[in-house]
Amino acid sequence: MARKQPQAKSSIPGLSVVERVILYVRNTRRSADWYSGILGVPIRHQEPGWVELETKGVSLCLHSGRKSGRVPELNAVSFRVEDFDAAYRALQLQEVGDLTEPFSPGPRLRCASFNDPDGNVLELMELPKGVDHLPH
């Protein structure tokens, strides 16, 4: 009989909910058509360079990259946090690799990116209170 592995507790406050997975694509319209037409995943929100697909649980987002972004060709996993400042300070104390300065890609949205040991892009994000839609 298999034993249950103890769940690891994050030392970063509230860093336990994956909010979205961002797939960087060359053409968001073409990719959105493929995901919705071929795979049957409905489009929840679409604007130039950004598409959110309607999935249960984690948001699957298609992104054409930020013109000033530091690593636009890598995919990213975003963690929603309730207290951005506390989570950001905890990442600084842990000396997490390539932690960016906080940035705001949309109104009242706060983010910071960092890398895991293999170079995968991870992101902290804090939405305004009462907002459940992720602006680009």
C-alpha atoms as a PDB file:
ATOM      1  CA  MET A   1       0.000   0.000   0.000  1.00  0.00           C
ATOM      2  CA  ALA A   2       1.415   3.357  -1.032  1.00  0.00           C
ATOM      3  CA  ARG A   3       2.033   5.917   1.664  1.00  0.00           C
ATOM      4  CA  LYS A   4       0.821   9.435   1.233  1.00  0.00           C
ATOM      5  CA  GLN A   5       3.623  11.908   0.735  1.00  0.00           C
ATOM      6  CA  PRO A   6       3.484  14.778   3.205  1.00  0.00           C
ATOM      7  CA  GLN A   7       2.415  17.966   1.501  1.00  0.00           C
ATOM      8  CA  ALA A   8       5.173  20.532   1.294  1.00  0.00           C
ATOM      9  CA  LYS A   9       4.247  23.870   2.762  1.00  0.00           C
ATOM     10  CA  SER A  10       5.320  26.912   0.815  1.00  0.00           C
ATOM     11  CA  SER A  11       7.405  29.420   2.692  1.00  0.00           C
ATOM     12  CA  ILE A  12       5.912  32.098   0.430  1.00  0.00           C
ATOM     13  CA  PRO A  13       2.607  33.428   1.842  1.00  0.00           C
ATOM     14  CA  GLY A  14      -0.305  32.235  -0.234  1.00  0.00           C
ATOM     15  CA  LEU A  15       1.774  30.700  -3.036  1.00  0.00           C
ATOM     16  CA  SER A  16      -0.367  27.602  -3.337  1.00  0.00           C
ATOM     17  CA  VAL A  17      -2.944  28.467  -6.009  1.00  0.00           C
ATOM     18  CA  VAL A  18      -1.968  28.252  -9.666  1.00  0.00           C
ATOM     19  CA  GLU A  19      -4.063  30.976 -11.287  1.00  0.00           C
ATOM     20  CA  ARG A  20      -3.077  30.584 -14.931  1.00  0.00           C
ATOM     21  CA  VAL A  21      -0.690  28.982 -17.360  1.00  0.00           C
ATOM     22  CA  ILE A  22       0.529  31.261 -20.126  1.00  0.00           C
ATOM     23  CA  LEU A  23       1.544  29.768 -23.455  1.00  0.00           C
ATOM     24  CA  TYR A  24       3.529  32.183 -25.596  1.00  0.00           C
ATOM     25  CA  VAL A  25       2.482  31.815 -29.217  1.00  0.00           C
ATOM     26  CA  ARG A  26       3.427  33.474 -32.518  1.00  0.00           C
ATOM     27  CA  ASN A  27      -0.141  34.302 -33.521  1.00  0.00           C
ATOM     28  CA  THR A  28      -2.836  34.445 -30.849  1.00  0.00           C
ATOM     29  CA  ARG A  29      -5.740  34.475 -33.328  1.00  0.00           C
ATOM     30  CA  ARG A  30      -4.470  31.393 -35.149  1.00  0.00           C
ATOM     31  CA  SER A  31      -3.738  29.579 -31.892  1.00  0.00           C
ATOM     32  CA  ALA A  32      -7.126  30.522 -30.406  1.00  0.00           C
ATOM     33  CA  ASP A  33      -8.852  29.196 -33.534  1.00  0.00           C
ATOM     34  CA  TRP A  34      -6.908  25.936 -33.184  1.00  0.00           C
ATOM     35  CA  TYR A  35      -7.649  25.492 -29.461  1.00  0.00           C
ATOM     36  CA  SER A  36     -11.347  26.281 -29.914  1.00  0.00           C
ATOM     37  CA  GLY A  37     -11.922  24.685 -33.336  1.00  0.00           C
ATOM     38  CA  ILE A  38      -9.780  21.556 -33.055  1.00  0.00           C
ATOM     39  CA  LEU A  39      -9.720  20.922 -29.296  1.00  0.00           C
ATOM     40  CA  GLY A  40     -13.144  22.410 -28.531  1.00  0.00           C
ATOM     41  CA  VAL A  41     -11.888  24.721 -25.761  1.00  0.00           C
ATOM     42  CA  PRO A  42     -14.151  27.813 -25.724  1.00  0.00           C
ATOM     43  CA  ILE A  43     -12.671  31.308 -25.785  1.00  0.00           C
ATOM     44  CA  ARG A  44     -13.578  33.270 -22.630  1.00  0.00           C
ATOM     45  CA  HIS A  45     -11.851  36.568 -23.448  1.00  0.00           C
ATOM     46  CA  GLN A  46      -9.905  37.824 -26.451  1.00  0.00           C
ATOM     47  CA  GLU A  47      -8.028  41.012 -27.306  1.00  0.00           C
ATOM     48  CA  PRO A  48      -5.005  41.719 -29.508  1.00  0.00           C
ATOM     49  CA  GLY A  49      -2.085  39.593 -28.313  1.00  0.00           C
ATOM     50  CA  TRP A  50      -4.037  37.920 -25.477  1.00  0.00           C
ATOM     51  CA  VAL A  51      -6.606  35.106 -25.341  1.00  0.00           C
ATOM     52  CA  GLU A  52      -8.065  33.397 -22.282  1.00  0.00           C
ATOM     53  CA  LEU A  53      -9.542  29.969 -22.868  1.00  0.00           C
ATOM     54  CA  GLU A  54     -12.513  28.723 -20.840  1.00  0.00           C
ATOM     55  CA  THR A  55     -11.268  25.794 -18.802  1.00  0.00           C
ATOM     56  CA  LYS A  56     -12.288  24.441 -15.419  1.00  0.00           C
ATOM     57  CA  GLY A  57      -9.764  25.311 -12.746  1.00  0.00           C
ATOM     58  CA  VAL A  58      -6.610  26.983 -14.049  1.00  0.00           C
ATOM     59  CA  SER A  59      -6.879  29.603 -16.812  1.00  0.00           C
ATOM     60  CA  LEU A  60      -5.097  28.677 -20.017  1.00  0.00           C
ATOM     61  CA  CYS A  61      -3.914  31.884 -21.692  1.00  0.00           C
ATOM     62  CA  LEU A  62      -2.323  32.486 -25.084  1.00  0.00           C
ATOM     63  CA  HIS A  63       0.035  35.458 -25.224  1.00  0.00           C
ATOM     64  CA  SER A  64       2.040  36.985 -28.067  1.00  0.00           C
ATOM     65  CA  GLY A  65       4.665  38.308 -25.617  1.00  0.00           C
ATOM     66  CA  ARG A  66       5.467  41.702 -24.162  1.00  0.00           C
ATOM     67  CA  LYS A  67       7.495  44.037 -26.321  1.00  0.00           C
ATOM     68  CA  SER A  68       9.570  44.925 -23.256  1.00  0.00           C
ATOM     69  CA  GLY A  69       9.279  41.475 -21.655  1.00  0.00           C
ATOM     70  CA  ARG A  70      12.410  39.804 -20.456  1.00  0.00           C
ATOM     71  CA  VAL A  71      11.712  36.268 -21.733  1.00  0.00           C
ATOM     72  CA  PRO A  72       8.813  36.370 -24.223  1.00  0.00           C
ATOM     73  CA  GLU A  73       9.434  32.938 -25.758  1.00  0.00           C
ATOM     74  CA  LEU A  74       9.107  30.928 -22.539  1.00  0.00           C
ATOM     75  CA  ASN A  75       5.829  29.743 -21.123  1.00  0.00           C
ATOM     76  CA  ALA A  76       4.861  30.837 -17.621  1.00  0.00           C
ATOM     77  CA  VAL A  77       2.882  29.628 -14.625  1.00  0.00           C
ATOM     78  CA  SER A  78       1.223  32.379 -12.567  1.00  0.00           C
ATOM     79  CA  PHE A  79       0.428  32.032  -8.878  1.00  0.00           C
ATOM     80  CA  ARG A  80      -2.297  34.269  -7.450  1.00  0.00           C
ATOM     81  CA  VAL A  81      -1.412  35.688  -4.039  1.00  0.00           C
ATOM     82  CA  GLU A  82      -3.565  37.616  -1.591  1.00  0.00           C
ATOM     83  CA  ASP A  83      -0.694  39.676  -0.157  1.00  0.00           C
ATOM     84  CA  PHE A  84       1.664  40.581  -2.973  1.00  0.00           C
ATOM     85  CA  ASP A  85       4.089  42.559  -0.818  1.00  0.00           C
ATOM     86  CA  ALA A  86       4.531  39.733   1.707  1.00  0.00           C
ATOM     87  CA  ALA A  87       5.001  37.119  -1.020  1.00  0.00           C
ATOM     88  CA  TYR A  88       7.476  39.327  -2.882  1.00  0.00           C
ATOM     89  CA  ARG A  89       9.515  39.974   0.295  1.00  0.00           C
ATOM     90  CA  ALA A  90       9.567  36.228   1.028  1.00  0.00           C
ATOM     91  CA  LEU A  91      10.915  35.528  -2.477  1.00  0.00           C
ATOM     92  CA  GLN A  92      13.612  38.155  -1.921  1.00  0.00           C
ATOM     93  CA  LEU A  93      14.588  36.564   1.397  1.00  0.00           C
ATOM     94  CA  GLN A  94      14.786  33.144  -0.269  1.00  0.00           C
ATOM     95  CA  GLU A  95      17.060  34.672  -2.936  1.00  0.00           C
ATOM     96  CA  VAL A  96      14.879  33.285  -5.717  1.00  0.00           C
ATOM     97  CA  GLY A  97      16.597  33.439  -9.109  1.00  0.00           C
ATOM     98  CA  ASP A  98      15.986  36.303 -11.537  1.00  0.00           C
ATOM     99  CA  LEU A  99      13.254  37.971  -9.473  1.00  0.00           C
ATOM    100  CA  THR A 100      12.054  41.025 -11.389  1.00  0.00           C
ATOM    101  CA  GLU A 101      10.941  44.292  -9.915  1.00  0.00           C
ATOM    102  CA  PRO A 102       7.143  44.382  -9.549  1.00  0.00           C
ATOM    103  CA  PHE A 103       5.340  45.425 -12.728  1.00  0.00           C
ATOM    104  CA  SER A 104       1.773  46.107 -13.763  1.00  0.00           C
ATOM    105  CA  PRO A 105       0.691  44.701 -17.158  1.00  0.00           C
ATOM    106  CA  GLY A 106      -2.892  45.898 -16.601  1.00  0.00           C
ATOM    107  CA  PRO A 107      -4.911  48.269 -14.465  1.00  0.00           C
ATOM    108  CA  ARG A 108      -4.438  47.507 -10.746  1.00  0.00           C
ATOM    109  CA  LEU A 109      -2.754  44.156 -11.556  1.00  0.00           C
ATOM    110  CA  ARG A 110       0.595  43.561  -9.822  1.00  0.00           C
ATOM    111  CA  CYS A 111       3.085  40.952 -10.972  1.00  0.00           C
ATOM    112  CA  ALA A 112       6.671  39.844 -10.551  1.00  0.00           C
ATOM    113  CA  SER A 113       8.443  37.116 -12.497  1.00  0.00           C
ATOM    114  CA  PHE A 114      11.156  34.714 -11.412  1.00  0.00           C
ATOM    115  CA  ASN A 115      12.719  31.468 -12.568  1.00  0.00           C
ATOM    116  CA  ASP A 116      12.796  27.981 -11.146  1.00  0.00           C
ATOM    117  CA  PRO A 117      16.133  26.102 -11.117  1.00  0.00           C
ATOM    118  CA  ASP A 118      15.564  24.928 -14.718  1.00  0.00           C
ATOM    119  CA  GLY A 119      14.783  28.396 -16.069  1.00  0.00           C
ATOM    120  CA  ASN A 120      11.005  27.992 -16.241  1.00  0.00           C
ATOM    121  CA  VAL A 121       9.227  31.307 -15.756  1.00  0.00           C
ATOM    122  CA  LEU A 122       6.978  31.613 -12.709  1.00  0.00           C
ATOM    123  CA  GLU A 123       4.981  34.662 -11.754  1.00  0.00           C
ATOM    124  CA  LEU A 124       3.355  36.166  -8.686  1.00  0.00           C
ATOM    125  CA  MET A 125       0.170  38.065  -9.369  1.00  0.00           C
ATOM    126  CA  GLU A 126      -2.259  40.003  -7.253  1.00  0.00           C
ATOM    127  CA  LEU A 127      -5.643  41.064  -8.576  1.00  0.00           C
ATOM    128  CA  PRO A 128      -7.682  43.910  -7.123  1.00  0.00           C
ATOM    129  CA  LYS A 129     -10.193  42.824  -4.483  1.00  0.00           C
ATOM    130  CA  GLY A 130     -13.415  41.533  -6.021  1.00  0.00           C
ATOM    131  CA  VAL A 131     -11.910  41.038  -9.502  1.00  0.00           C
ATOM    132  CA  ASP A 132     -12.005  37.534 -10.923  1.00  0.00           C
ATOM    133  CA  HIS A 133     -11.241  38.336 -14.562  1.00  0.00           C
ATOM    134  CA  LEU A 134      -7.578  38.614 -15.424  1.00  0.00           C
ATOM    135  CA  PRO A 135      -6.890  41.729 -17.497  1.00  0.00           C
ATOM    136  CA  HIS A 136      -3.947  41.659 -19.850  1.00  0.00           C
END
